Amino acid sequence: MTAQTAQQELSAVIGLEVHVQLETATKIFCSCSTDAAEGEEPNTRTCPTCLGLPGALPVLNEGAVEAAVKIGKAIDADIPEETRFHRKNYYYPDLPKNFQITQYDAPLCADGTLPFRVDGDERAVTIDRAHLEEDPGSLQHAGGSIDTADYTLVNYNRAGTPLMEIVTAPEFRGAEEVRSFLAKLEEVLEYLGVFDSTRDGSLRIDANLSIVEREEIDDDGSIPQETLEAANRTEVKNISSHKGAQKALAYEETRQKNAIRRGREVEQETRHWDESRGITVSMRSKEEEKDYRYFREADLPPLRVSGWKDEISIPELPDARRDRFQREYDLSAEAASKLTSRKAVADLFEDVADRFDADLAATWVADNLLGELNYRDMAIADVSDRIDEFEHLIALVADEAITTKNAEETVLRRMLDDGLDPDTIVEEEDLGKTDDDAVVEAVRAAIEENPEAVADYEAGDDGAINFLVGQVMGKTGGSADPGTVNEILRDELP
């Protein structure tokens, strides 16, 4: 771009390469486990095949193919009758063979789409391709980041882990769109049961970003191919989260726009996202397709999934479940969205709604439980072994054994903070609901002790009764039902 461009309005053009670790018991081409034990030693989960030793031959993992087909169906992609693997040749320390087994001109999935919402608007992004490949190992930079470390160690335990690389068209126009897309993609992958977001490095993003003049973008949002080819782009690597993607791309967009406005050329290069410093740093010049010298993987025959792919079914996905929740349980769009954001949350809601009123189930799962978990930076997965306890707490409320206020403000919070079951907390805090005789006694005492409030009520100030309700609730330790207290007060007051 020229200095003249500095006076033009500029827009970002972003495309993503999302690397998803597939949930399989073993690696993609060998029988080494994919489960990383806590504190495992480096370079111990390896074998001659994933280390690329001479004579070792790859054998394709059927489970990885099945997971890839499920992803293809979920994004409404074309799944060809036959596909094949290639060798992508490049040298990097964590690539033991000096090539990566991947797919080149015959990906397993092509021409898909994924709808998502951003700022309340519905968007859809084209998935150009999604293909299987093996993961390299991992680098551990000692004493700093990639450009400041004292030295770097290589761990091959990840080498050969099955990945699905999902490549979008360059249809994003900002970092916020990218974050929303990634959140939706992770939702879909979780519902499919092919992905575990709690695994370290389970979702990694490479993002290509370039800047064009806004007038070059057509009314429908498309950009001419010659404009894209003329705009130098950077590839930003080492992004590992939705939030990280938003920060990295917002920084890179600003960096490039500032360079253009100052009349400087944007170099086509690969840059590293340094999360600790919140900046991108130059790594190397950007490789082109020809630099990888792709050729067919001779040790793997063509992969044919015709017939078999029709037998692979996929579960109800988040959008369909969200719509069903609104129809079946008469939930608002906001409540249905909260309840389907994670499959475990949606499953819990349906379990609770089978036993109790749907509105009560929605309030307790979407508002009370999720709210308290979010406050503590926890997820449903962190309490998955205690779901029966939470359902018992809801039963106590539904059966009017304790008040909603005490259930929300005392029992639920102590369950999460102290790890106690609801019955123990109710007993320790003496939260069992007060019987009617005790409530009447507390009401009469509150009336006698607060003549000014009584006079205000008699003078027509209906709000005074709220003060008296509070006095009664204090006398009963919060164990009386506020509605019942209100009714008794009105009966007892002159």
Protein backbone atom coordinates (compact mmCIF):
# COMPACT_ATOMS: atom_id res chain seq x y z
CA MET A 1 0.00 0.00 0.00
CA THR A 2 1.13 3.52 -0.75
CA ALA A 3 1.25 6.67 1.34
CA GLN A 4 -1.94 7.72 -0.38
CA THR A 5 -3.64 4.80 1.36
CA ALA A 6 -2.87 6.47 4.67
CA GLN A 7 -5.68 8.91 3.89
CA GLN A 8 -8.15 6.13 3.09
CA GLU A 9 -10.41 4.28 5.48
CA LEU A 10 -8.87 0.90 6.18
CA SER A 11 -10.41 -2.44 7.04
CA ALA A 12 -8.99 -5.71 8.35
CA VAL A 13 -9.38 -8.96 6.46
CA ILE A 14 -8.93 -12.05 8.60
CA GLY A 15 -8.90 -15.78 7.90
CA LEU A 16 -8.32 -18.52 10.45
CA GLU A 17 -6.58 -21.87 10.63
CA VAL A 18 -7.96 -23.56 13.75
CA HIS A 19 -6.18 -26.67 14.99
CA VAL A 20 -8.49 -28.88 17.05
CA GLN A 21 -7.17 -31.81 19.06
CA LEU A 22 -9.51 -34.74 18.49
CA GLU A 23 -10.58 -36.87 21.44
CA THR A 24 -9.09 -40.28 20.73
CA ALA A 25 -7.39 -42.71 23.12
CA THR A 26 -4.32 -43.06 20.92
CA LYS A 27 -2.36 -40.96 18.44
CA ILE A 28 -3.35 -40.69 14.82
CA PHE A 29 -0.78 -43.06 13.29
CA CYS A 30 0.41 -45.18 16.24
CA SER A 31 -0.80 -46.74 19.49
CA CYS A 32 0.83 -44.23 21.87
CA SER A 33 -1.62 -42.76 24.37
CA THR A 34 -2.94 -39.22 24.00
CA ASP A 35 -3.63 -38.93 27.74
CA ALA A 36 -1.05 -36.72 29.40
CA ALA A 37 -0.59 -37.84 32.99
CA GLU A 38 -0.06 -35.11 35.55
CA GLY A 39 3.65 -34.49 35.95
CA GLU A 40 4.61 -36.88 33.15
CA GLU A 41 8.21 -36.94 32.04
CA PRO A 42 9.01 -35.39 28.64
CA ASN A 43 9.63 -37.72 25.68
CA THR A 44 8.13 -40.79 27.36
CA ARG A 45 4.84 -41.10 25.44
CA THR A 46 6.59 -41.91 22.18
CA CYS A 47 7.41 -44.81 19.86
CA PRO A 48 9.39 -45.33 16.62
CA THR A 49 6.38 -44.26 14.53
CA CYS A 50 5.65 -40.90 16.15
CA LEU A 51 9.39 -40.22 16.41
CA GLY A 52 9.82 -40.93 12.71
CA LEU A 53 12.48 -43.60 13.10
CA PRO A 54 13.57 -45.50 9.97
CA GLY A 55 11.34 -48.43 9.07
CA ALA A 56 8.38 -47.37 11.24
CA LEU A 57 5.09 -47.23 9.31
CA PRO A 58 1.94 -45.22 10.11
CA VAL A 59 -1.46 -46.89 10.63
CA LEU A 60 -4.47 -44.55 10.49
CA ASN A 61 -6.64 -44.22 13.62
CA GLU A 62 -10.26 -45.04 12.72
CA GLY A 63 -11.58 -42.98 15.64
CA ALA A 64 -9.87 -39.86 14.29
CA VAL A 65 -11.55 -40.35 10.91
CA GLU A 66 -14.95 -40.82 12.54
CA ALA A 67 -14.48 -37.61 14.55
CA ALA A 68 -13.48 -35.73 11.39
CA VAL A 69 -16.57 -36.96 9.55
CA LYS A 70 -18.78 -35.78 12.43
CA ILE A 71 -17.20 -32.31 12.20
CA GLY A 72 -17.79 -32.29 8.46
CA LYS A 73 -21.47 -33.11 8.93
CA ALA A 74 -21.86 -30.46 11.63
CA ILE A 75 -20.52 -27.72 9.35
CA ASP A 76 -22.52 -29.02 6.37
CA ALA A 77 -19.34 -29.69 4.39
CA ASP A 78 -18.81 -31.82 1.32
CA ILE A 79 -17.19 -35.15 2.26
CA PRO A 80 -15.67 -36.76 -0.85
CA GLU A 81 -15.81 -40.44 -1.66
CA GLU A 82 -12.01 -40.65 -1.55
CA THR A 83 -9.33 -38.57 0.12
CA ARG A 84 -5.61 -39.01 0.72
CA PHE A 85 -2.67 -37.90 2.81
CA HIS A 86 0.42 -35.90 1.88
CA ARG A 87 3.77 -34.98 3.36
CA LYS A 88 4.28 -31.32 4.19
CA ASN A 89 8.03 -30.79 4.27
CA TYR A 90 9.68 -28.24 6.52
CA TYR A 91 12.31 -28.20 9.23
CA TYR A 92 11.35 -27.27 12.74
CA PRO A 93 12.82 -28.67 15.97
CA ASP A 94 9.54 -30.19 17.21
CA LEU A 95 8.88 -32.03 13.94
CA PRO A 96 10.90 -35.25 14.33
CA LYS A 97 10.49 -36.51 10.74
CA ASN A 98 11.16 -33.12 9.12
CA PHE A 99 7.75 -33.52 7.47
CA GLN A 100 4.18 -33.57 8.72
CA ILE A 101 1.58 -36.05 7.52
CA THR A 102 -1.40 -33.94 6.54
CA GLN A 103 -3.86 -33.50 3.65
CA TYR A 104 -3.27 -31.17 0.75
CA ASP A 105 -5.46 -31.09 -2.37
CA ALA A 106 -7.95 -33.73 -1.21
CA PRO A 107 -9.16 -32.74 2.27
CA LEU A 108 -11.70 -34.85 4.12
CA CYS A 109 -14.15 -31.91 4.33
CA ALA A 110 -14.61 -28.88 2.05
CA ASP A 111 -17.04 -26.01 1.43
CA GLY A 112 -18.77 -25.93 4.80
CA THR A 113 -20.30 -23.06 6.78
CA LEU A 114 -20.69 -22.19 10.44
CA PRO A 115 -23.28 -19.63 11.58
CA PHE A 116 -22.67 -17.61 14.74
CA ARG A 117 -23.90 -14.45 16.44
CA VAL A 118 -21.90 -11.30 17.09
CA ASP A 119 -23.36 -8.16 18.69
CA GLY A 120 -26.83 -9.65 18.29
CA ASP A 121 -26.48 -10.16 14.53
CA GLU A 122 -26.41 -13.51 12.76
CA ARG A 123 -23.27 -14.22 10.69
CA ALA A 124 -22.02 -17.19 8.75
CA VAL A 125 -18.44 -17.87 7.73
CA THR A 126 -17.33 -20.22 4.98
CA ILE A 127 -15.16 -23.17 5.97
CA ASP A 128 -12.94 -23.66 2.92
CA ARG A 129 -11.56 -26.96 4.15
CA ALA A 130 -11.13 -29.15 7.22
CA HIS A 131 -8.57 -31.90 7.14
CA LEU A 132 -6.79 -34.45 9.32
CA GLU A 133 -3.14 -34.16 10.27
CA GLU A 134 -0.67 -35.04 13.00
CA ASP A 135 0.49 -32.63 15.68
CA PRO A 136 4.21 -31.83 16.04
CA GLY A 137 5.82 -31.95 19.47
CA SER A 138 6.07 -28.94 21.75
CA LEU A 139 8.81 -26.44 22.53
CA GLN A 140 9.48 -25.26 26.06
CA HIS A 141 11.28 -21.94 26.23
CA ALA A 142 13.38 -21.64 29.37
CA GLY A 143 13.90 -18.26 31.00
CA GLY A 144 11.67 -16.24 28.67
CA SER A 145 9.47 -16.24 25.58
CA ILE A 146 10.35 -17.45 22.09
CA ASP A 147 12.55 -14.44 21.36
CA THR A 148 14.05 -13.95 24.84
CA ALA A 149 14.57 -17.51 26.17
CA ASP A 150 17.96 -18.67 27.42
CA TYR A 151 17.44 -21.98 25.62
CA THR A 152 14.63 -24.17 24.27
CA LEU A 153 13.76 -27.79 25.07
CA VAL A 154 11.79 -30.16 22.85
CA ASN A 155 9.11 -32.54 24.14
CA TYR A 156 7.78 -35.11 21.64
CA ASN A 157 4.95 -36.43 23.82
CA ARG A 158 2.42 -34.49 21.72
CA ALA A 159 3.95 -35.58 18.41
CA GLY A 160 1.38 -37.58 16.44
CA THR A 161 -1.69 -36.36 18.37
CA PRO A 162 -4.64 -36.27 15.93
CA LEU A 163 -5.64 -32.80 14.77
CA MET A 164 -8.40 -31.43 12.61
CA GLU A 165 -7.30 -28.24 10.90
CA ILE A 166 -10.31 -26.04 10.10
CA VAL A 167 -9.53 -23.33 7.54
CA THR A 168 -11.96 -20.47 7.04
CA ALA A 169 -12.31 -18.09 4.13
CA PRO A 170 -10.95 -14.56 4.80
CA GLU A 171 -14.40 -13.32 5.77
CA PHE A 172 -13.81 -11.87 9.23
CA ARG A 173 -13.61 -8.09 9.48
CA GLY A 174 -12.59 -7.70 13.11
CA ALA A 175 -11.26 -9.38 16.24
CA GLU A 176 -14.65 -9.47 17.98
CA GLU A 177 -16.11 -11.51 15.11
CA VAL A 178 -13.25 -13.98 15.46
CA ARG A 179 -13.84 -14.42 19.18
CA SER A 180 -17.57 -15.05 18.65
CA PHE A 181 -16.85 -17.57 15.89
CA LEU A 182 -14.36 -19.49 18.03
CA ALA A 183 -16.82 -19.67 20.91
CA LYS A 184 -19.47 -21.10 18.59
CA LEU A 185 -17.02 -23.55 17.01
CA GLU A 186 -15.99 -24.82 20.46
CA GLU A 187 -19.68 -25.25 21.38
CA VAL A 188 -20.29 -27.41 18.31
CA LEU A 189 -17.14 -29.50 18.84
CA GLU A 190 -18.09 -30.14 22.46
CA TYR A 191 -21.62 -31.23 21.51
CA LEU A 192 -20.15 -33.64 18.95
CA GLY A 193 -18.08 -35.26 21.71
CA VAL A 194 -14.86 -35.00 19.67
CA PHE A 195 -13.13 -32.29 21.69
CA ASP A 196 -12.17 -31.53 25.29
CA SER A 197 -11.57 -27.86 25.99
CA THR A 198 -9.89 -28.65 29.32
CA ARG A 199 -6.92 -30.31 27.61
CA ASP A 200 -3.83 -28.14 27.42
CA GLY A 201 -3.35 -26.97 23.83
CA SER A 202 -6.60 -28.55 22.62
CA LEU A 203 -7.49 -25.49 20.49
CA ARG A 204 -4.79 -23.46 18.74
CA ILE A 205 -5.31 -20.71 16.24
CA ASP A 206 -3.18 -19.32 13.44
CA ALA A 207 -4.70 -16.15 12.02
CA ASN A 208 -3.91 -14.44 8.72
CA LEU A 209 -4.58 -10.70 8.74
CA SER A 210 -4.16 -8.07 6.09
CA ILE A 211 -5.41 -4.52 5.61
CA VAL A 212 -7.33 -3.26 2.58
CA GLU A 213 -9.01 0.01 1.67
CA ARG A 214 -12.61 -0.12 2.80
CA GLU A 215 -13.84 1.01 -0.60
CA GLU A 216 -12.44 -2.25 -2.03
CA ILE A 217 -15.01 -4.25 -0.05
CA ASP A 218 -18.21 -4.94 -2.00
CA ASP A 219 -21.65 -4.25 -0.54
CA ASP A 220 -22.11 -7.95 0.26
CA GLY A 221 -18.83 -7.97 2.21
CA SER A 222 -16.81 -9.82 -0.42
CA ILE A 223 -13.38 -8.69 -1.58
CA PRO A 224 -12.00 -9.16 -5.12
CA GLN A 225 -9.32 -11.83 -5.33
CA GLU A 226 -6.82 -9.42 -6.87
CA THR A 227 -7.23 -7.09 -3.88
CA LEU A 228 -6.53 -9.93 -1.47
CA GLU A 229 -3.48 -11.01 -3.43
CA ALA A 230 -2.10 -7.48 -3.53
CA ALA A 231 -2.42 -6.96 0.24
CA ASN A 232 0.52 -8.27 2.22
CA ARG A 233 -0.63 -10.35 5.14
CA THR A 234 0.86 -11.56 8.37
CA GLU A 235 0.25 -14.92 9.98
CA VAL A 236 -0.06 -14.68 13.76
CA LYS A 237 0.79 -17.90 15.61
CA ASN A 238 0.66 -19.18 19.18
CA ILE A 239 -2.94 -18.16 19.91
CA SER A 240 -4.60 -20.59 22.29
CA SER A 241 -7.92 -19.08 23.39
CA HIS A 242 -10.90 -16.99 22.25
CA LYS A 243 -9.77 -14.08 24.38
CA GLY A 244 -6.19 -14.45 23.17
CA ALA A 245 -7.37 -14.38 19.55
CA GLN A 246 -9.30 -11.17 20.13
CA LYS A 247 -6.33 -9.49 21.82
CA ALA A 248 -3.75 -10.69 19.29
CA LEU A 249 -5.77 -9.63 16.25
CA ALA A 250 -6.80 -6.30 17.73
CA TYR A 251 -3.11 -5.58 18.36
CA GLU A 252 -2.04 -6.74 14.91
CA GLU A 253 -4.78 -4.77 13.16
CA THR A 254 -3.70 -1.62 14.98
CA ARG A 255 -0.01 -2.28 14.23
CA GLN A 256 -0.62 -2.70 10.52
CA LYS A 257 -2.96 0.29 10.20
CA ASN A 258 -0.47 2.50 12.01
CA ALA A 259 2.31 1.35 9.68
CA ILE A 260 0.22 2.09 6.59
CA ARG A 261 -0.84 5.51 7.85
CA ARG A 262 2.82 6.35 8.34
CA GLY A 263 3.53 5.39 4.75
CA ARG A 264 5.38 2.17 5.61
CA GLU A 265 5.08 -1.19 3.87
CA VAL A 266 3.52 -4.10 5.78
CA GLU A 267 5.87 -7.05 5.47
CA GLN A 268 4.48 -10.48 4.62
CA GLU A 269 5.73 -12.53 7.56
CA THR A 270 4.90 -14.96 10.34
CA ARG A 271 4.58 -13.35 13.75
CA HIS A 272 4.40 -14.83 17.25
CA TRP A 273 1.73 -13.73 19.74
CA ASP A 274 3.51 -13.05 23.02
CA GLU A 275 0.60 -13.26 25.46
CA SER A 276 2.61 -12.15 28.48
CA ARG A 277 3.55 -8.87 26.78
CA GLY A 278 0.39 -8.47 24.71
CA ILE A 279 2.28 -7.94 21.44
CA THR A 280 3.18 -9.80 18.25
CA VAL A 281 6.85 -10.26 17.37
CA SER A 282 8.41 -11.20 14.05
CA MET A 283 9.45 -14.85 13.69
CA ARG A 284 10.33 -15.38 10.04
CA SER A 285 9.33 -14.48 6.52
CA LYS A 286 6.01 -16.00 5.50
CA GLU A 287 6.29 -19.34 3.72
CA GLU A 288 4.41 -19.87 0.51
CA GLU A 289 2.66 -23.07 -0.52
CA LYS A 290 5.49 -24.12 -2.83
CA ASP A 291 7.97 -23.94 0.05
CA TYR A 292 6.41 -27.01 1.67
CA ARG A 293 7.03 -29.29 -1.34
CA TYR A 294 3.90 -31.36 -0.82
CA PHE A 295 3.86 -34.90 -2.17
CA ARG A 296 1.73 -37.96 -1.52
CA GLU A 297 2.29 -40.00 1.63
CA ALA A 298 3.36 -43.32 0.12
CA ASP A 299 2.93 -45.28 3.36
CA LEU A 300 -0.82 -44.60 3.60
CA PRO A 301 -3.34 -45.78 0.97
CA PRO A 302 -6.18 -43.52 -0.18
CA LEU A 303 -8.91 -43.12 2.44
CA ARG A 304 -12.42 -44.07 1.34
CA VAL A 305 -15.34 -43.18 3.60
CA SER A 306 -18.22 -43.64 1.14
CA GLY A 307 -21.02 -45.65 2.69
CA TRP A 308 -19.42 -45.56 6.13
CA LYS A 309 -19.90 -41.81 6.44
CA ASP A 310 -23.68 -42.27 6.11
CA GLU A 311 -23.65 -44.56 9.15
CA ILE A 312 -21.98 -41.93 11.34
CA SER A 313 -24.63 -39.89 13.12
CA ILE A 314 -24.24 -36.61 14.97
CA PRO A 315 -26.17 -35.49 18.07
CA GLU A 316 -28.48 -32.52 18.43
CA LEU A 317 -26.29 -29.42 18.02
CA PRO A 318 -26.45 -26.22 20.11
CA ASP A 319 -28.63 -24.16 17.75
CA ALA A 320 -31.20 -26.95 17.38
CA ARG A 321 -31.22 -27.57 21.14
CA ARG A 322 -31.62 -23.85 21.82
CA ASP A 323 -34.65 -23.68 19.53
CA ARG A 324 -36.15 -26.79 21.12
CA PHE A 325 -35.70 -25.42 24.64
CA GLN A 326 -37.66 -22.32 23.66
CA ARG A 327 -40.48 -24.37 22.15
CA GLU A 328 -40.61 -27.26 24.60
CA TYR A 329 -39.98 -25.43 27.86
CA ASP A 330 -41.30 -21.99 26.89
CA LEU A 331 -37.96 -20.35 27.76
CA SER A 332 -36.81 -16.93 26.63
CA ALA A 333 -34.11 -16.73 23.97
CA GLU A 334 -31.66 -15.45 26.59
CA ALA A 335 -32.34 -18.30 29.02
CA ALA A 336 -32.17 -20.91 26.26
CA SER A 337 -28.86 -19.44 25.08
CA LYS A 338 -27.35 -19.64 28.58
CA LEU A 339 -28.56 -23.18 29.09
CA THR A 340 -27.15 -24.50 25.81
CA SER A 341 -23.79 -22.73 25.89
CA ARG A 342 -22.22 -25.92 27.24
CA LYS A 343 -23.51 -29.42 26.68
CA ALA A 344 -23.06 -30.35 30.34
CA VAL A 345 -25.22 -27.36 31.35
CA ALA A 346 -27.94 -28.30 28.87
CA ASP A 347 -27.89 -31.92 30.07
CA LEU A 348 -28.20 -30.79 33.69
CA PHE A 349 -31.12 -28.50 32.87
CA GLU A 350 -33.03 -31.30 31.13
CA ASP A 351 -32.41 -33.65 34.07
CA VAL A 352 -33.75 -31.03 36.50
CA ALA A 353 -36.65 -30.06 34.23
CA ASP A 354 -37.75 -33.72 34.13
CA ARG A 355 -38.26 -33.57 37.93
CA PHE A 356 -39.33 -29.99 38.56
CA ASP A 357 -41.06 -27.05 36.90
CA ALA A 358 -39.09 -25.83 33.87
CA ASP A 359 -38.98 -22.22 35.12
CA LEU A 360 -37.59 -23.37 38.47
CA ALA A 361 -35.03 -25.57 36.69
CA ALA A 362 -33.98 -22.73 34.40
CA THR A 363 -33.63 -20.26 37.27
CA TRP A 364 -31.52 -22.60 39.35
CA VAL A 365 -29.26 -23.85 36.56
CA ALA A 366 -28.88 -20.74 34.37
CA ASP A 367 -28.92 -18.06 37.06
CA ASN A 368 -28.09 -19.45 40.48
CA LEU A 369 -25.66 -22.29 39.80
CA LEU A 370 -23.92 -20.81 36.74
CA GLY A 371 -23.78 -17.40 38.39
CA GLU A 372 -22.06 -18.76 41.50
CA LEU A 373 -19.70 -20.92 39.42
CA ASN A 374 -18.73 -18.00 37.18
CA TYR A 375 -18.08 -15.84 40.24
CA ARG A 376 -15.61 -18.47 41.42
CA ASP A 377 -14.10 -18.96 37.95
CA MET A 378 -15.42 -22.52 37.91
CA ALA A 379 -17.27 -24.60 35.32
CA ILE A 380 -19.89 -27.34 35.47
CA ALA A 381 -17.07 -29.83 34.87
CA ASP A 382 -15.55 -28.83 38.22
CA VAL A 383 -18.65 -30.06 40.09
CA SER A 384 -19.73 -32.87 37.77
CA ASP A 385 -19.49 -35.42 40.60
CA ARG A 386 -21.89 -33.41 42.79
CA ILE A 387 -24.83 -32.94 40.41
CA ASP A 388 -27.05 -35.13 42.62
CA GLU A 389 -26.39 -32.75 45.54
CA PHE A 390 -27.48 -29.72 43.52
CA GLU A 391 -30.61 -31.53 42.40
CA HIS A 392 -31.34 -32.36 46.05
CA LEU A 393 -30.99 -28.67 46.95
CA ILE A 394 -33.54 -27.77 44.26
CA ALA A 395 -35.83 -30.46 45.68
CA LEU A 396 -35.58 -28.85 49.13
CA VAL A 397 -36.71 -25.55 47.60
CA ALA A 398 -39.48 -27.14 45.52
CA ASP A 399 -40.78 -29.01 48.58
CA GLU A 400 -40.61 -25.77 50.62
CA ALA A 401 -38.30 -27.43 53.14
CA ILE A 402 -36.11 -24.29 53.04
CA THR A 403 -36.62 -20.81 51.68
CA THR A 404 -35.33 -19.79 48.29
CA LYS A 405 -33.33 -17.00 49.91
CA ASN A 406 -31.51 -19.38 52.25
CA ALA A 407 -30.97 -21.90 49.46
CA GLU A 408 -29.40 -19.28 47.19
CA GLU A 409 -27.45 -17.17 49.66
CA THR A 410 -26.33 -19.74 52.21
CA VAL A 411 -26.64 -23.37 51.12
CA LEU A 412 -25.46 -23.07 47.51
CA ARG A 413 -22.55 -20.82 48.40
CA ARG A 414 -21.37 -23.04 51.24
CA MET A 415 -21.70 -26.09 49.00
CA LEU A 416 -19.23 -24.50 46.57
CA ASP A 417 -16.95 -22.89 49.15
CA ASP A 418 -16.88 -25.61 51.83
CA GLY A 419 -17.67 -28.72 49.82
CA LEU A 420 -20.54 -29.71 52.15
CA ASP A 421 -23.79 -31.40 51.12
CA PRO A 422 -27.05 -29.41 51.45
CA ASP A 423 -28.51 -31.41 54.35
CA THR A 424 -25.40 -30.84 56.46
CA ILE A 425 -25.53 -27.09 55.79
CA VAL A 426 -29.26 -26.86 56.54
CA GLU A 427 -28.67 -28.65 59.87
CA GLU A 428 -25.59 -26.60 60.81
CA GLU A 429 -27.26 -23.29 59.97
CA ASP A 430 -30.67 -24.33 61.35
CA LEU A 431 -32.32 -23.34 58.09
CA GLY A 432 -35.39 -25.62 58.22
CA LYS A 433 -38.53 -23.60 57.49
CA THR A 434 -40.21 -22.14 60.58
CA ASP A 435 -43.68 -23.56 61.30
CA ASP A 436 -46.73 -21.29 61.00
CA ASP A 437 -47.20 -20.82 64.76
CA ALA A 438 -43.63 -19.54 65.13
CA VAL A 439 -44.14 -17.20 62.16
CA VAL A 440 -47.31 -15.76 63.70
CA GLU A 441 -45.45 -15.23 66.96
CA ALA A 442 -42.62 -13.43 65.13
CA VAL A 443 -45.15 -11.28 63.23
CA ARG A 444 -46.89 -10.16 66.41
CA ALA A 445 -43.54 -9.35 68.04
CA ALA A 446 -42.50 -7.24 65.01
CA ILE A 447 -45.80 -5.34 65.11
CA GLU A 448 -45.41 -4.62 68.81
CA GLU A 449 -41.75 -3.52 68.49
CA ASN A 450 -42.27 -1.20 65.49
CA PRO A 451 -45.25 1.09 66.14
CA GLU A 452 -43.97 3.77 63.74
CA ALA A 453 -43.96 1.34 60.81
CA VAL A 454 -47.45 0.17 61.82
CA ALA A 455 -48.65 3.78 61.89
CA ASP A 456 -47.15 4.41 58.44
CA TYR A 457 -48.98 1.35 57.10
CA GLU A 458 -52.25 2.49 58.65
CA ALA A 459 -51.72 5.91 57.03
CA GLY A 460 -51.63 4.24 53.61
CA ASP A 461 -47.88 3.68 53.14
CA ASP A 462 -48.01 0.15 51.79
CA GLY A 463 -44.20 0.12 51.50
CA ALA A 464 -43.97 0.05 55.29
CA ILE A 465 -45.00 -3.57 55.24
CA ASN A 466 -41.74 -4.46 53.50
CA PHE A 467 -39.87 -3.15 56.52
CA LEU A 468 -41.98 -5.32 58.79
CA VAL A 469 -41.42 -8.37 56.58
CA GLY A 470 -37.69 -7.80 56.96
CA GLN A 471 -38.06 -7.64 60.75
CA VAL A 472 -39.92 -10.94 60.79
CA MET A 473 -37.38 -12.60 58.50
CA GLY A 474 -34.63 -11.48 60.87
CA LYS A 475 -36.45 -12.95 63.86
CA THR A 476 -36.87 -16.29 62.06
CA GLY A 477 -33.31 -16.36 60.79
CA GLY A 478 -34.53 -16.15 57.20
CA SER A 479 -36.30 -19.50 57.50
CA ALA A 480 -39.83 -18.14 57.02
CA ASP A 481 -41.34 -17.81 53.58
CA PRO A 482 -41.55 -14.07 52.70
CA GLY A 483 -44.90 -14.49 50.93
CA THR A 484 -46.40 -16.23 53.93
CA VAL A 485 -45.02 -13.53 56.24
CA ASN A 486 -46.59 -10.83 54.08
CA GLU A 487 -50.00 -12.52 54.22
CA ILE A 488 -49.91 -13.02 58.01
CA LEU A 489 -48.80 -9.40 58.55
CA ARG A 490 -51.74 -8.06 56.58
CA ASP A 491 -54.10 -10.28 58.59
CA GLU A 492 -52.60 -9.19 61.92
CA LEU A 493 -52.29 -5.46 61.22
CA PRO A 494 -55.28 -3.25 62.14
